[in-house]
Amino acid sequence: MTATADARLQLADDFAASEVIRPAAVLWELSARAILRALAADDVTVGGVWSARTGVWRRYDKPWDSPDSPGSALHLGTISCVYDSPHRYSVTIYRASVTTAGIRAGWTVENLCDDALQYADLDLASCPRVELRPPPRPYTQQ
């Protein structure tokens, strides 16, 4: 595959593997803080490989070429999470996806999650879990 084709795949976020984490993995306050601090310190704009924003943590193969553009860095996968759920200061991981470039590089949903969770001495298999209930039905006046 050409570099141009690889770039198009990256721009389209062509997820080759995606998994809903059930029951959802929950990071209690101390673990969540440790991971969020470490992901910020390992940010792509400061020489790291993570781009962690509220609710979305993206893993790249190398640091970005500039603070505003990934340049030649390949997006390997994304972890989707909810902050302050099920309790305040907790983070719940509910989905992880690996791009085509990530699959080619040997990444899986499990080792993508493990790469982020390592900062709190956790892995996906040992991470605490929680069953999230669906939201209540909206109130309707009869």
Protein backbone atom coordinates (compact mmCIF):
# COMPACT_ATOMS: atom_id res chain seq x y z
CA MET A 1 0.00 0.00 0.00
CA THR A 2 1.31 3.46 -0.83
CA ALA A 3 1.95 6.25 1.65
CA THR A 4 -0.91 8.22 0.07
CA ALA A 5 -3.31 5.33 0.64
CA ASP A 6 -2.08 5.00 4.25
CA ALA A 7 -2.71 8.73 4.81
CA ARG A 8 -6.25 8.42 3.44
CA LEU A 9 -6.96 5.51 5.78
CA GLN A 10 -5.67 7.53 8.72
CA LEU A 11 -7.74 10.59 7.84
CA ALA A 12 -10.89 8.49 7.54
CA ASP A 13 -10.21 6.79 10.90
CA ASP A 14 -10.78 3.46 9.21
CA PHE A 15 -11.32 1.29 12.26
CA ALA A 16 -10.58 -2.33 11.43
CA ALA A 17 -11.48 -3.63 14.89
CA SER A 18 -13.87 -2.15 17.42
CA GLU A 19 -15.12 -3.62 20.65
CA VAL A 20 -17.70 -2.43 23.11
CA ILE A 21 -16.25 -3.16 26.54
CA ARG A 22 -18.92 -5.04 28.52
CA PRO A 23 -19.11 -4.87 31.38
CA ALA A 24 -17.48 -1.48 31.10
CA ALA A 25 -14.01 -1.01 32.63
CA VAL A 26 -14.07 1.57 35.39
CA LEU A 27 -11.13 3.53 36.71
CA TRP A 28 -11.69 4.78 40.21
CA GLU A 29 -10.34 8.18 41.18
CA LEU A 30 -6.71 7.31 42.02
CA SER A 31 -6.24 5.15 38.93
CA ALA A 32 -8.02 7.66 36.71
CA ARG A 33 -5.83 10.52 37.94
CA ALA A 34 -2.64 8.51 37.44
CA ILE A 35 -3.61 7.55 33.89
CA LEU A 36 -4.77 11.04 32.88
CA ARG A 37 -1.55 12.59 34.26
CA ALA A 38 0.58 10.05 32.40
CA LEU A 39 -1.33 10.46 29.12
CA ALA A 40 -0.88 14.25 29.38
CA ALA A 41 2.85 13.81 29.96
CA ASP A 42 3.00 11.41 26.97
CA ASP A 43 1.07 13.77 24.66
CA VAL A 44 1.90 13.73 20.94
CA THR A 45 2.55 17.46 20.98
CA VAL A 46 5.38 17.11 23.52
CA GLY A 47 7.15 14.06 22.11
CA GLY A 48 4.78 11.32 23.24
CA VAL A 49 2.37 8.97 21.50
CA TRP A 50 -1.04 9.77 23.06
CA SER A 51 -3.57 12.47 22.22
CA ALA A 52 -5.92 12.36 25.20
CA ARG A 53 -8.90 14.67 25.17
CA THR A 54 -12.06 14.47 27.28
CA GLY A 55 -13.77 11.22 26.37
CA VAL A 56 -11.34 10.18 23.61
CA TRP A 57 -7.79 8.86 23.95
CA ARG A 58 -5.98 8.34 20.64
CA ARG A 59 -2.75 6.32 20.31
CA TYR A 60 -0.25 7.17 17.55
CA ASP A 61 2.86 5.34 16.43
CA LYS A 62 5.12 8.34 17.11
CA PRO A 63 4.97 12.00 18.16
CA TRP A 64 3.29 14.48 15.84
CA ASP A 65 5.42 16.43 13.39
CA SER A 66 4.06 19.70 14.81
CA PRO A 67 1.68 20.63 17.64
CA ASP A 68 -1.11 21.24 15.12
CA SER A 69 -0.68 18.31 12.74
CA PRO A 70 0.03 14.59 13.03
CA GLY A 71 2.06 14.78 9.81
CA SER A 72 3.50 11.32 9.24
CA ALA A 73 2.36 9.91 12.60
CA LEU A 74 -0.11 7.06 12.14
CA HIS A 75 -3.28 6.85 14.24
CA LEU A 76 -3.25 3.32 15.69
CA GLY A 77 -6.38 3.27 17.82
CA THR A 78 -8.87 5.07 20.03
CA ILE A 79 -10.26 4.47 23.50
CA SER A 80 -13.67 6.00 24.18
CA CYS A 81 -14.60 6.80 27.76
CA VAL A 82 -16.97 8.77 29.97
CA TYR A 83 -15.72 10.95 32.79
CA ASP A 84 -17.49 11.15 36.17
CA SER A 85 -19.38 7.92 35.57
CA PRO A 86 -20.51 5.89 37.43
CA HIS A 87 -19.17 8.13 40.21
CA ARG A 88 -17.58 11.54 40.40
CA TYR A 89 -13.86 11.52 39.47
CA SER A 90 -14.07 8.07 37.90
CA VAL A 91 -13.52 7.26 34.22
CA THR A 92 -15.42 4.48 32.45
CA ILE A 93 -13.96 2.90 29.32
CA TYR A 94 -16.79 1.64 27.15
CA ARG A 95 -15.25 1.16 23.69
CA ALA A 96 -11.88 0.65 22.04
CA SER A 97 -11.11 0.66 18.33
CA VAL A 98 -7.99 -0.15 16.33
CA THR A 99 -7.35 1.34 12.89
CA THR A 100 -6.15 -0.59 9.85
CA ALA A 101 -2.68 0.87 10.43
CA GLY A 102 -2.87 -0.32 14.03
CA ILE A 103 -3.83 -3.86 13.00
CA ARG A 104 -0.91 -3.91 10.54
CA ALA A 105 1.40 -2.82 13.38
CA GLY A 106 0.15 -5.67 15.59
CA TRP A 107 -2.23 -3.77 17.86
CA THR A 108 -5.41 -5.29 19.30
CA VAL A 109 -8.22 -3.77 21.33
CA GLU A 110 -6.83 -5.45 24.44
CA ASN A 111 -3.22 -4.27 24.11
CA LEU A 112 -4.38 -0.77 23.14
CA CYS A 113 -6.29 -0.56 26.43
CA ASP A 114 -3.41 -2.18 28.31
CA ASP A 115 -1.03 0.47 26.95
CA ALA A 116 -3.09 3.24 28.59
CA LEU A 117 -3.98 1.31 31.74
CA GLN A 118 -0.35 0.43 32.51
CA TYR A 119 0.07 3.89 34.05
CA ALA A 120 -2.11 2.75 36.98
CA ASP A 121 -0.57 -0.75 37.09
CA LEU A 122 -3.73 -2.18 35.48
CA ASP A 123 -4.60 -4.08 32.36
CA LEU A 124 -7.98 -4.64 30.73
CA ALA A 125 -8.30 -8.16 32.14
CA SER A 126 -7.79 -7.01 35.74
CA CYS A 127 -9.53 -3.64 35.53
CA PRO A 128 -12.60 -3.21 37.78
CA ARG A 129 -15.86 -3.56 35.87
CA VAL A 130 -19.30 -2.04 36.21
CA GLU A 131 -22.60 -2.75 34.51
CA LEU A 132 -24.04 0.53 33.33
CA ARG A 133 -27.80 0.70 33.34
CA PRO A 134 -29.65 2.44 30.55
CA PRO A 135 -30.88 5.93 31.41
CA PRO A 136 -34.41 6.22 32.79
CA ARG A 137 -37.25 6.74 30.39
CA PRO A 138 -38.16 10.39 29.89
CA TYR A 139 -41.07 11.71 31.89
CA THR A 140 -44.25 12.00 29.90
CA GLN A 141 -47.38 13.61 31.17
CA GLN A 142 -50.53 11.55 30.70
